């Protein structure tokens, strides 16, 4: 093995261990800093397909409002926004306690 190279099994182990926690933390950060203006373009695939209503519509805005502690506005956008934030934060907590240092 050459010096200063990382074995591929270590890269795979690092990827498996840190991907999900990085994903959820990034999602919450992006939703926290997103523009909550309702006139901004939607990322909803249903709206792109021409369907006007889907069960998840407003969830991103609800999570944004919940992260800013505007719970009434969050519930107005989607009733499960606060629940989604709690579930995602709990998942991040579970993953952070499961992390093991890489050798």
PDB file of N, CA and C in Angstrom:
ATOM      1  N   UNK A   1       0.842  -1.182   0.000  1.00  0.00           N
ATOM      2  CA  UNK A   1       0.000   0.000   0.000  1.00  0.00           C
ATOM      3  C   UNK A   1       0.882   1.238   0.000  1.00  0.00           C
ATOM      4  N   UNK A   2       0.547   2.193  -0.838  1.00  0.00           N
ATOM      5  CA  UNK A   2       1.320   3.411  -0.936  1.00  0.00           C
ATOM      6  C   UNK A   2       0.996   4.329   0.245  1.00  0.00           C
ATOM      7  N   UNK A   3       1.981   5.114   0.677  1.00  0.00           N
ATOM      8  CA  UNK A   3       1.688   6.074   1.748  1.00  0.00           C
ATOM      9  C   UNK A   3       0.732   7.159   1.244  1.00  0.00           C
ATOM     10  N   UNK A   4      -0.002   7.757   2.158  1.00  0.00           N
ATOM     11  CA  UNK A   4      -0.945   8.842   1.879  1.00  0.00           C
ATOM     12  C   UNK A   4      -2.119   8.422   0.991  1.00  0.00           C
ATOM     13  N   UNK A   5      -2.447   7.154   0.951  1.00  0.00           N
ATOM     14  CA  UNK A   5      -3.633   6.716   0.230  1.00  0.00           C
ATOM     15  C   UNK A   5      -4.614   6.112   1.230  1.00  0.00           C
ATOM     16  N   UNK A   6      -5.866   6.274   0.935  1.00  0.00           N
ATOM     17  CA  UNK A   6      -6.913   5.748   1.812  1.00  0.00           C
ATOM     18  C   UNK A   6      -7.485   4.509   1.146  1.00  0.00           C
ATOM     19  N   UNK A   7      -7.507   3.380   1.857  1.00  0.00           N
ATOM     20  CA  UNK A   7      -8.085   2.165   1.261  1.00  0.00           C
ATOM     21  C   UNK A   7      -9.560   2.364   0.931  1.00  0.00           C
ATOM     22  N   UNK A   8     -10.007   1.711  -0.123  1.00  0.00           N
ATOM     23  CA  UNK A   8     -11.384   1.887  -0.581  1.00  0.00           C
ATOM     24  C   UNK A   8     -12.399   1.407   0.451  1.00  0.00           C
ATOM     25  N   UNK A   9     -12.050   0.418   1.255  1.00  0.00           N
ATOM     26  CA  UNK A   9     -12.993  -0.041   2.275  1.00  0.00           C
ATOM     27  C   UNK A   9     -13.213   1.029   3.350  1.00  0.00           C
ATOM     28  N   UNK A  10     -12.224   1.867   3.620  1.00  0.00           N
ATOM     29  CA  UNK A  10     -12.388   2.961   4.576  1.00  0.00           C
ATOM     30  C   UNK A  10     -13.300   4.043   4.010  1.00  0.00           C
ATOM     31  N   UNK A  11     -13.160   4.295   2.715  1.00  0.00           N
ATOM     32  CA  UNK A  11     -14.020   5.290   2.073  1.00  0.00           C
ATOM     33  C   UNK A  11     -15.463   4.798   2.104  1.00  0.00           C
ATOM     34  N   UNK A  12     -15.671   3.521   1.805  1.00  0.00           N
ATOM     35  CA  UNK A  12     -17.016   2.947   1.834  1.00  0.00           C
ATOM     36  C   UNK A  12     -17.593   3.005   3.247  1.00  0.00           C
ATOM     37  N   UNK A  13     -16.784   2.696   4.248  1.00  0.00           N
ATOM     38  CA  UNK A  13     -17.230   2.733   5.635  1.00  0.00           C
ATOM     39  C   UNK A  13     -17.590   4.171   6.036  1.00  0.00           C
ATOM     40  N   UNK A  14     -16.772   5.131   5.643  1.00  0.00           N
ATOM     41  CA  UNK A  14     -17.035   6.537   5.937  1.00  0.00           C
ATOM     42  C   UNK A  14     -18.338   6.972   5.277  1.00  0.00           C
ATOM     43  N   UNK A  15     -18.530   6.607   4.016  1.00  0.00           N
ATOM     44  CA  UNK A  15     -19.734   6.965   3.269  1.00  0.00           C
ATOM     45  C   UNK A  15     -20.975   6.401   3.946  1.00  0.00           C
ATOM     46  N   UNK A  16     -20.941   5.128   4.315  1.00  0.00           N
ATOM     47  CA  UNK A  16     -22.095   4.492   4.945  1.00  0.00           C
ATOM     48  C   UNK A  16     -22.404   5.122   6.302  1.00  0.00           C
ATOM     49  N   UNK A  17     -21.374   5.499   7.030  1.00  0.00           N
ATOM     50  CA  UNK A  17     -21.565   5.991   8.382  1.00  0.00           C
ATOM     51  C   UNK A  17     -22.062   7.436   8.412  1.00  0.00           C
ATOM     52  N   UNK A  18     -21.592   8.262   7.521  1.00  0.00           N
ATOM     53  CA  UNK A  18     -21.880   9.691   7.606  1.00  0.00           C
ATOM     54  C   UNK A  18     -22.873  10.211   6.580  1.00  0.00           C
ATOM     55  N   UNK A  19     -23.271   9.412   5.611  1.00  0.00           N
ATOM     56  CA  UNK A  19     -24.159   9.921   4.569  1.00  0.00           C
ATOM     57  C   UNK A  19     -25.511  10.362   5.110  1.00  0.00           C
ATOM     58  N   UNK A  20     -26.179   9.519   5.860  1.00  0.00           N
ATOM     59  CA  UNK A  20     -27.541   9.836   6.297  1.00  0.00           C
ATOM     60  C   UNK A  20     -27.578  11.036   7.234  1.00  0.00           C
ATOM     61  N   UNK A  21     -26.654  11.094   8.172  1.00  0.00           N
ATOM     62  CA  UNK A  21     -26.658  12.238   9.103  1.00  0.00           C
ATOM     63  C   UNK A  21     -26.340  13.534   8.359  1.00  0.00           C
ATOM     64  N   UNK A  22     -25.437  13.464   7.380  1.00  0.00           N
ATOM     65  CA  UNK A  22     -25.119  14.641   6.573  1.00  0.00           C
ATOM     66  C   UNK A  22     -26.322  15.043   5.730  1.00  0.00           C
ATOM     67  N   UNK A  23     -27.014  14.066   5.182  1.00  0.00           N
ATOM     68  CA  UNK A  23     -28.199  14.332   4.364  1.00  0.00           C
ATOM     69  C   UNK A  23     -29.263  15.070   5.170  1.00  0.00           C
ATOM     70  N   UNK A  24     -29.632  14.534   6.345  1.00  0.00           N
ATOM     71  CA  UNK A  24     -30.706  15.139   7.133  1.00  0.00           C
ATOM     72  C   UNK A  24     -30.308  16.505   7.670  1.00  0.00           C
ATOM     73  N   UNK A  25     -29.067  16.671   8.089  1.00  0.00           N
ATOM     74  CA  UNK A  25     -28.619  17.979   8.564  1.00  0.00           C
ATOM     75  C   UNK A  25     -28.651  19.008   7.435  1.00  0.00           C
ATOM     76  N   UNK A  26     -28.243  18.600   6.242  1.00  0.00           N
ATOM     77  CA  UNK A  26     -28.275  19.496   5.081  1.00  0.00           C
ATOM     78  C   UNK A  26     -29.706  19.865   4.719  1.00  0.00           C
ATOM     79  N   UNK A  27     -30.611  18.891   4.765  1.00  0.00           N
ATOM     80  CA  UNK A  27     -32.019  19.156   4.461  1.00  0.00           C
ATOM     81  C   UNK A  27     -32.583  20.199   5.430  1.00  0.00           C
ATOM     82  N   UNK A  28     -32.309  20.034   6.718  1.00  0.00           N
ATOM     83  CA  UNK A  28     -32.830  20.999   7.686  1.00  0.00           C
ATOM     84  C   UNK A  28     -32.219  22.382   7.485  1.00  0.00           C
ATOM     85  N   UNK A  29     -30.938  22.438   7.192  1.00  0.00           N
ATOM     86  CA  UNK A  29     -30.296  23.740   6.937  1.00  0.00           C
ATOM     87  C   UNK A  29     -30.887  24.421   5.707  1.00  0.00           C
ATOM     88  N   UNK A  30     -31.066  23.658   4.629  1.00  0.00           N
ATOM     89  CA  UNK A  30     -31.649  24.235   3.422  1.00  0.00           C
ATOM     90  C   UNK A  30     -33.083  24.706   3.657  1.00  0.00           C
ATOM     91  N   UNK A  31     -33.858  23.929   4.394  1.00  0.00           N
ATOM     92  CA  UNK A  31     -35.237  24.326   4.678  1.00  0.00           C
ATOM     93  C   UNK A  31     -35.283  25.523   5.626  1.00  0.00           C
ATOM     94  N   UNK A  32     -34.327  25.625   6.530  1.00  0.00           N
ATOM     95  CA  UNK A  32     -34.282  26.770   7.444  1.00  0.00           C
ATOM     96  C   UNK A  32     -34.025  28.063   6.676  1.00  0.00           C
ATOM     97  N   UNK A  33     -33.093  28.016   5.727  1.00  0.00           N
ATOM     98  CA  UNK A  33     -32.702  29.219   5.003  1.00  0.00           C
ATOM     99  C   UNK A  33     -33.471  29.440   3.698  1.00  0.00           C
ATOM    100  N   UNK A  34     -34.440  28.572   3.396  1.00  0.00           N
ATOM    101  CA  UNK A  34     -35.190  28.748   2.151  1.00  0.00           C
ATOM    102  C   UNK A  34     -36.079  29.979   2.228  1.00  0.00           C
ATOM    103  N   UNK A  35     -36.397  30.513   1.073  1.00  0.00           N
ATOM    104  CA  UNK A  35     -37.313  31.641   0.986  1.00  0.00           C
ATOM    105  C   UNK A  35     -38.732  31.104   1.145  1.00  0.00           C
ATOM    106  N   UNK A  36     -39.407  31.509   2.197  1.00  0.00           N
ATOM    107  CA  UNK A  36     -40.742  30.975   2.497  1.00  0.00           C
ATOM    108  C   UNK A  36     -41.839  31.693   1.726  1.00  0.00           C
ATOM    109  N   UNK A  37     -41.466  32.535   0.781  1.00  0.00           N
ATOM    110  CA  UNK A  37     -42.447  33.239  -0.039  1.00  0.00           C
ATOM    111  C   UNK A  37     -43.198  32.213  -0.879  1.00  0.00           C
ATOM    112  N   UNK A  38     -44.502  32.256  -0.841  1.00  0.00           N
ATOM    113  CA  UNK A  38     -45.304  31.251  -1.555  1.00  0.00           C
ATOM    114  C   UNK A  38     -45.302  31.465  -3.063  1.00  0.00           C
ATOM    115  N   UNK A  39     -44.795  32.601  -3.528  1.00  0.00           N
ATOM    116  CA  UNK A  39     -44.752  32.839  -4.972  1.00  0.00           C
ATOM    117  C   UNK A  39     -43.485  32.284  -5.608  1.00  0.00           C
ATOM    118  N   UNK A  40     -42.566  31.766  -4.778  1.00  0.00           N
ATOM    119  CA  UNK A  40     -41.340  31.200  -5.337  1.00  0.00           C
ATOM    120  C   UNK A  40     -41.660  29.887  -6.049  1.00  0.00           C
ATOM    121  N   UNK A  41     -40.818  29.473  -7.010  1.00  0.00           N
ATOM    122  CA  UNK A  41     -41.092  28.242  -7.758  1.00  0.00           C
ATOM    123  C   UNK A  41     -41.155  27.020  -6.840  1.00  0.00           C
ATOM    124  N   UNK A  42     -42.007  26.098  -7.176  1.00  0.00           N
ATOM    125  CA  UNK A  42     -42.194  24.882  -6.386  1.00  0.00           C
ATOM    126  C   UNK A  42     -41.316  23.760  -6.931  1.00  0.00           C
ATOM    127  N   UNK A  43     -40.887  22.889  -6.037  1.00  0.00           N
ATOM    128  CA  UNK A  43     -40.132  21.701  -6.429  1.00  0.00           C
ATOM    129  C   UNK A  43     -41.018  20.460  -6.457  1.00  0.00           C
ATOM    130  N   UNK A  44     -42.301  20.654  -6.317  1.00  0.00           N
ATOM    131  CA  UNK A  44     -43.252  19.542  -6.259  1.00  0.00           C
ATOM    132  C   UNK A  44     -43.390  18.888  -7.634  1.00  0.00           C
ATOM    133  N   UNK A  45     -43.155  17.592  -7.681  1.00  0.00           N
ATOM    134  CA  UNK A  45     -43.279  16.862  -8.944  1.00  0.00           C
ATOM    135  C   UNK A  45     -44.726  16.802  -9.423  1.00  0.00           C
ATOM    136  N   UNK A  46     -45.669  16.799  -8.481  1.00  0.00           N
ATOM    137  CA  UNK A  46     -47.079  16.783  -8.857  1.00  0.00           C
ATOM    138  C   UNK A  46     -47.464  18.070  -9.585  1.00  0.00           C
ATOM    139  N   UNK A  47     -46.953  19.205  -9.099  1.00  0.00           N
ATOM    140  CA  UNK A  47     -47.258  20.480  -9.766  1.00  0.00           C
ATOM    141  C   UNK A  47     -46.630  20.542 -11.144  1.00  0.00           C
ATOM    142  N   UNK A  48     -45.423  19.969 -11.286  1.00  0.00           N
ATOM    143  CA  UNK A  48     -44.791  19.907 -12.601  1.00  0.00           C
ATOM    144  C   UNK A  48     -45.627  19.069 -13.562  1.00  0.00           C
ATOM    145  N   UNK A  49     -46.302  18.047 -13.025  1.00  0.00           N
ATOM    146  CA  UNK A  49     -47.133  17.173 -13.856  1.00  0.00           C
ATOM    147  C   UNK A  49     -48.512  17.764 -14.121  1.00  0.00           C
ATOM    148  N   UNK A  50     -48.827  18.912 -13.507  1.00  0.00           N
ATOM    149  CA  UNK A  50     -50.111  19.551 -13.734  1.00  0.00           C
ATOM    150  C   UNK A  50     -51.170  19.221 -12.703  1.00  0.00           C
ATOM    151  N   UNK A  51     -50.842  18.416 -11.705  1.00  0.00           N
ATOM    152  CA  UNK A  51     -51.785  18.081 -10.637  1.00  0.00           C
ATOM    153  C   UNK A  51     -51.727  19.205  -9.601  1.00  0.00           C
ATOM    154  N   UNK A  52     -52.859  19.747  -9.248  1.00  0.00           N
ATOM    155  CA  UNK A  52     -52.883  20.933  -8.389  1.00  0.00           C
ATOM    156  C   UNK A  52     -52.709  20.636  -6.904  1.00  0.00           C
ATOM    157  N   UNK A  53     -53.061  19.446  -6.458  1.00  0.00           N
ATOM    158  CA  UNK A  53     -52.965  19.165  -5.022  1.00  0.00           C
ATOM    159  C   UNK A  53     -52.279  17.820  -4.783  1.00  0.00           C
ATOM    160  N   UNK A  54     -51.395  17.806  -3.821  1.00  0.00           N
ATOM    161  CA  UNK A  54     -50.783  16.545  -3.389  1.00  0.00           C
ATOM    162  C   UNK A  54     -50.718  16.551  -1.864  1.00  0.00           C
ATOM    163  N   UNK A  55     -50.609  15.396  -1.230  1.00  0.00           N
ATOM    164  CA  UNK A  55     -50.627  15.336   0.230  1.00  0.00           C
ATOM    165  C   UNK A  55     -49.445  16.048   0.897  1.00  0.00           C
ATOM    166  N   UNK A  56     -48.345  16.197   0.179  1.00  0.00           N
ATOM    167  CA  UNK A  56     -47.170  16.817   0.783  1.00  0.00           C
ATOM    168  C   UNK A  56     -47.038  18.295   0.520  1.00  0.00           C
ATOM    169  N   UNK A  57     -47.934  18.867  -0.262  1.00  0.00           N
ATOM    170  CA  UNK A  57     -47.822  20.292  -0.591  1.00  0.00           C
ATOM    171  C   UNK A  57     -47.867  21.140   0.679  1.00  0.00           C
ATOM    172  N   UNK A  58     -46.934  22.031   0.798  1.00  0.00           N
ATOM    173  CA  UNK A  58     -46.849  22.904   1.963  1.00  0.00           C
ATOM    174  C   UNK A  58     -45.960  22.368   3.063  1.00  0.00           C
ATOM    175  N   UNK A  59     -45.486  21.145   2.936  1.00  0.00           N
ATOM    176  CA  UNK A  59     -44.676  20.557   4.000  1.00  0.00           C
ATOM    177  C   UNK A  59     -43.342  21.281   4.153  1.00  0.00           C
ATOM    178  N   UNK A  60     -42.710  21.637   3.051  1.00  0.00           N
ATOM    179  CA  UNK A  60     -41.446  22.368   3.133  1.00  0.00           C
ATOM    180  C   UNK A  60     -41.619  23.712   3.804  1.00  0.00           C
ATOM    181  N   UNK A  61     -42.681  24.422   3.459  1.00  0.00           N
ATOM    182  CA  UNK A  61     -42.961  25.707   4.094  1.00  0.00           C
ATOM    183  C   UNK A  61     -43.298  25.511   5.570  1.00  0.00           C
ATOM    184  N   UNK A  62     -44.012  24.436   5.892  1.00  0.00           N
ATOM    185  CA  UNK A  62     -44.358  24.151   7.282  1.00  0.00           C
ATOM    186  C   UNK A  62     -43.108  23.852   8.104  1.00  0.00           C
ATOM    187  N   UNK A  63     -42.170  23.113   7.529  1.00  0.00           N
ATOM    188  CA  UNK A  63     -40.916  22.816   8.236  1.00  0.00           C
ATOM    189  C   UNK A  63     -40.125  24.104   8.426  1.00  0.00           C
ATOM    190  N   UNK A  64     -40.087  24.962   7.402  1.00  0.00           N
ATOM    191  CA  UNK A  64     -39.397  26.245   7.515  1.00  0.00           C
ATOM    192  C   UNK A  64     -39.983  27.070   8.652  1.00  0.00           C
ATOM    193  N   UNK A  65     -41.284  27.158   8.720  1.00  0.00           N
ATOM    194  CA  UNK A  65     -41.936  27.931   9.783  1.00  0.00           C
ATOM    195  C   UNK A  65     -41.690  27.300  11.151  1.00  0.00           C
ATOM    196  N   UNK A  66     -41.723  25.982  11.235  1.00  0.00           N
ATOM    197  CA  UNK A  66     -41.479  25.304  12.515  1.00  0.00           C
ATOM    198  C   UNK A  66     -40.043  25.527  12.990  1.00  0.00           C
ATOM    199  N   UNK A  67     -39.091  25.517  12.065  1.00  0.00           N
ATOM    200  CA  UNK A  67     -37.697  25.767  12.437  1.00  0.00           C
ATOM    201  C   UNK A  67     -37.480  27.198  12.915  1.00  0.00           C
ATOM    202  N   UNK A  68     -38.364  28.114  12.498  1.00  0.00           N
ATOM    203  CA  UNK A  68     -38.301  29.498  12.965  1.00  0.00           C
ATOM    204  C   UNK A  68     -39.242  29.729  14.156  1.00  0.00           C
ATOM    205  N   UNK A  69     -39.751  28.646  14.737  1.00  0.00           N
ATOM    206  CA  UNK A  69     -40.642  28.659  15.913  1.00  0.00           C
ATOM    207  C   UNK A  69     -41.943  29.417  15.664  1.00  0.00           C
ATOM    208  N   UNK A  70     -42.418  29.404  14.444  1.00  0.00           N
ATOM    209  CA  UNK A  70     -43.714  29.985  14.100  1.00  0.00           C
ATOM    210  C   UNK A  70     -44.694  28.822  13.911  1.00  0.00           C
ATOM    211  N   UNK A  71     -45.127  28.262  15.035  1.00  0.00           N
ATOM    212  CA  UNK A  71     -45.866  27.011  15.003  1.00  0.00           C
ATOM    213  C   UNK A  71     -47.275  27.152  14.425  1.00  0.00           C
ATOM    214  N   UNK A  72     -47.928  28.269  14.661  1.00  0.00           N
ATOM    215  CA  UNK A  72     -49.270  28.460  14.094  1.00  0.00           C
ATOM    216  C   UNK A  72     -49.189  28.547  12.570  1.00  0.00           C
ATOM    217  N   UNK A  73     -48.207  29.287  12.066  1.00  0.00           N
ATOM    218  CA  UNK A  73     -48.030  29.392  10.610  1.00  0.00           C
ATOM    219  C   UNK A  73     -47.626  28.044  10.022  1.00  0.00           C
ATOM    220  N   UNK A  74     -46.816  27.301  10.767  1.00  0.00           N
ATOM    221  CA  UNK A  74     -46.399  25.975  10.318  1.00  0.00           C
ATOM    222  C   UNK A  74     -47.614  25.067  10.167  1.00  0.00           C
ATOM    223  N   UNK A  75     -48.478  25.062  11.162  1.00  0.00           N
ATOM    224  CA  UNK A  75     -49.672  24.215  11.115  1.00  0.00           C
ATOM    225  C   UNK A  75     -50.599  24.641   9.980  1.00  0.00           C
ATOM    226  N   UNK A  76     -50.638  25.942   9.695  1.00  0.00           N
ATOM    227  CA  UNK A  76     -51.474  26.453   8.608  1.00  0.00           C
ATOM    228  C   UNK A  76     -50.993  25.928   7.246  1.00  0.00           C
ATOM    229  N   UNK A  77     -49.675  25.851   7.060  1.00  0.00           N
ATOM    230  CA  UNK A  77     -49.131  25.350   5.794  1.00  0.00           C
ATOM    231  C   UNK A  77     -49.372  23.849   5.646  1.00  0.00           C
ATOM    232  N   UNK A  78     -49.077  23.099   6.714  1.00  0.00           N
ATOM    233  CA  UNK A  78     -49.286  21.643   6.692  1.00  0.00           C
ATOM    234  C   UNK A  78     -49.315  21.156   8.130  1.00  0.00           C
ATOM    235  N   UNK A  79     -50.321  20.372   8.526  1.00  0.00           N
ATOM    236  CA  UNK A  79     -50.433  19.940   9.915  1.00  0.00           C
ATOM    237  C   UNK A  79     -49.299  19.035  10.396  1.00  0.00           C
ATOM    238  N   UNK A  80     -48.567  18.418   9.487  1.00  0.00           N
ATOM    239  CA  UNK A  80     -47.503  17.504   9.904  1.00  0.00           C
ATOM    240  C   UNK A  80     -46.106  18.126   9.856  1.00  0.00           C
ATOM    241  N   UNK A  81     -45.998  19.428   9.648  1.00  0.00           N
ATOM    242  CA  UNK A  81     -44.697  20.084   9.566  1.00  0.00           C
ATOM    243  C   UNK A  81     -43.909  19.989  10.864  1.00  0.00           C
ATOM    244  N   UNK A  82     -44.563  20.242  11.981  1.00  0.00           N
ATOM    245  CA  UNK A  82     -43.897  20.180  13.287  1.00  0.00           C
ATOM    246  C   UNK A  82     -43.482  18.741  13.593  1.00  0.00           C
ATOM    247  N   UNK A  83     -44.353  17.809  13.275  1.00  0.00           N
ATOM    248  CA  UNK A  83     -44.054  16.386  13.488  1.00  0.00           C
ATOM    249  C   UNK A  83     -42.839  15.974  12.649  1.00  0.00           C
ATOM    250  N   UNK A  84     -42.768  16.448  11.414  1.00  0.00           N
ATOM    251  CA  UNK A  84     -41.636  16.115  10.537  1.00  0.00           C
ATOM    252  C   UNK A  84     -40.325  16.632  11.114  1.00  0.00           C
ATOM    253  N   UNK A  85     -40.332  17.843  11.655  1.00  0.00           N
ATOM    254  CA  UNK A  85     -39.120  18.404  12.263  1.00  0.00           C
ATOM    255  C   UNK A  85     -38.688  17.553  13.454  1.00  0.00           C
ATOM    256  N   UNK A  86     -39.641  17.166  14.281  1.00  0.00           N
ATOM    257  CA  UNK A  86     -39.325  16.345  15.462  1.00  0.00           C
ATOM    258  C   UNK A  86     -38.743  15.000  15.028  1.00  0.00           C
ATOM    259  N   UNK A  87     -39.326  14.377  14.021  1.00  0.00           N
ATOM    260  CA  UNK A  87     -38.836  13.078  13.542  1.00  0.00           C
ATOM    261  C   UNK A  87     -37.433  13.210  12.958  1.00  0.00           C
ATOM    262  N   UNK A  88     -37.191  14.243  12.163  1.00  0.00           N
ATOM    263  CA  UNK A  88     -35.868  14.422  11.554  1.00  0.00           C
ATOM    264  C   UNK A  88     -34.821  14.717  12.624  1.00  0.00           C
ATOM    265  N   UNK A  89     -35.145  15.584  13.600  1.00  0.00           N
ATOM    266  CA  UNK A  89     -34.191  15.866  14.678  1.00  0.00           C
ATOM    267  C   UNK A  89     -33.909  14.623  15.514  1.00  0.00           C
ATOM    268  N   UNK A  90     -34.942  13.819  15.755  1.00  0.00           N
ATOM    269  CA  UNK A  90     -34.739  12.574  16.496  1.00  0.00           C
ATOM    270  C   UNK A  90     -33.837  11.615  15.715  1.00  0.00           C
ATOM    271  N   UNK A  91     -34.019  11.551  14.406  1.00  0.00           N
ATOM    272  CA  UNK A  91     -33.169  10.679  13.579  1.00  0.00           C
ATOM    273  C   UNK A  91     -31.721  11.157  13.600  1.00  0.00           C
ATOM    274  N   UNK A  92     -31.510  12.465  13.540  1.00  0.00           N
ATOM    275  CA  UNK A  92     -30.150  13.003  13.621  1.00  0.00           C
ATOM    276  C   UNK A  92     -29.529  12.650  14.972  1.00  0.00           C
ATOM    277  N   UNK A  93     -30.322  12.746  16.051  1.00  0.00           N
ATOM    278  CA  UNK A  93     -29.824  12.384  17.387  1.00  0.00           C
ATOM    279  C   UNK A  93     -29.447  10.903  17.443  1.00  0.00           C
ATOM    280  N   UNK A  94     -30.310  10.038  16.884  1.00  0.00           N
ATOM    281  CA  UNK A  94     -30.011   8.597  16.872  1.00  0.00           C
ATOM    282  C   UNK A  94     -28.720   8.311  16.118  1.00  0.00           C
ATOM    283  N   UNK A  95     -28.563   8.936  14.964  1.00  0.00           N
ATOM    284  CA  UNK A  95     -27.374   8.686  14.148  1.00  0.00           C
ATOM    285  C   UNK A  95     -26.119   9.238  14.802  1.00  0.00           C
ATOM    286  N   UNK A  96     -26.218  10.358  15.492  1.00  0.00           N
ATOM    287  CA  UNK A  96     -25.022  10.943  16.104  1.00  0.00           C
ATOM    288  C   UNK A  96     -24.522  10.111  17.274  1.00  0.00           C
ATOM    289  N   UNK A  97     -25.405   9.429  17.989  1.00  0.00           N
ATOM    290  CA  UNK A  97     -24.962   8.566  19.077  1.00  0.00           C
ATOM    291  C   UNK A  97     -24.419   7.237  18.568  1.00  0.00           C
ATOM    292  N   UNK A  98     -24.725   6.887  17.325  1.00  0.00           N
ATOM    293  CA  UNK A  98     -24.291   5.633  16.738  1.00  0.00           C
ATOM    294  C   UNK A  98     -22.931   5.750  16.055  1.00  0.00           C
ATOM    295  N   UNK A  99     -22.443   6.956  15.859  1.00  0.00           N
ATOM    296  CA  UNK A  99     -21.180   7.154  15.130  1.00  0.00           C
ATOM    297  C   UNK A  99     -20.014   6.537  15.875  1.00  0.00           C
ATOM    298  N   UNK A 100     -19.128   5.925  15.113  1.00  0.00           N
ATOM    299  CA  UNK A 100     -17.905   5.336  15.664  1.00  0.00           C
ATOM    300  C   UNK A 100     -16.718   5.986  14.975  1.00  0.00           C
ATOM    301  N   UNK A 101     -15.641   6.240  15.728  1.00  0.00           N
ATOM    302  CA  UNK A 101     -14.472   6.822  15.063  1.00  0.00           C
ATOM    303  C   UNK A 101     -13.860   5.847  14.077  1.00  0.00           C
ATOM    304  N   UNK A 102     -13.417   6.376  12.962  1.00  0.00           N
ATOM    305  CA  UNK A 102     -12.762   5.546  11.957  1.00  0.00           C
ATOM    306  C   UNK A 102     -11.308   5.359  12.336  1.00  0.00           C
ATOM    307  N   UNK A 103     -10.819   4.132  12.190  1.00  0.00           N
ATOM    308  CA  UNK A 103      -9.411   3.858  12.508  1.00  0.00           C
ATOM    309  C   UNK A 103      -8.519   4.173  11.355  1.00  0.00           C
TER     310      UNK A 103
END
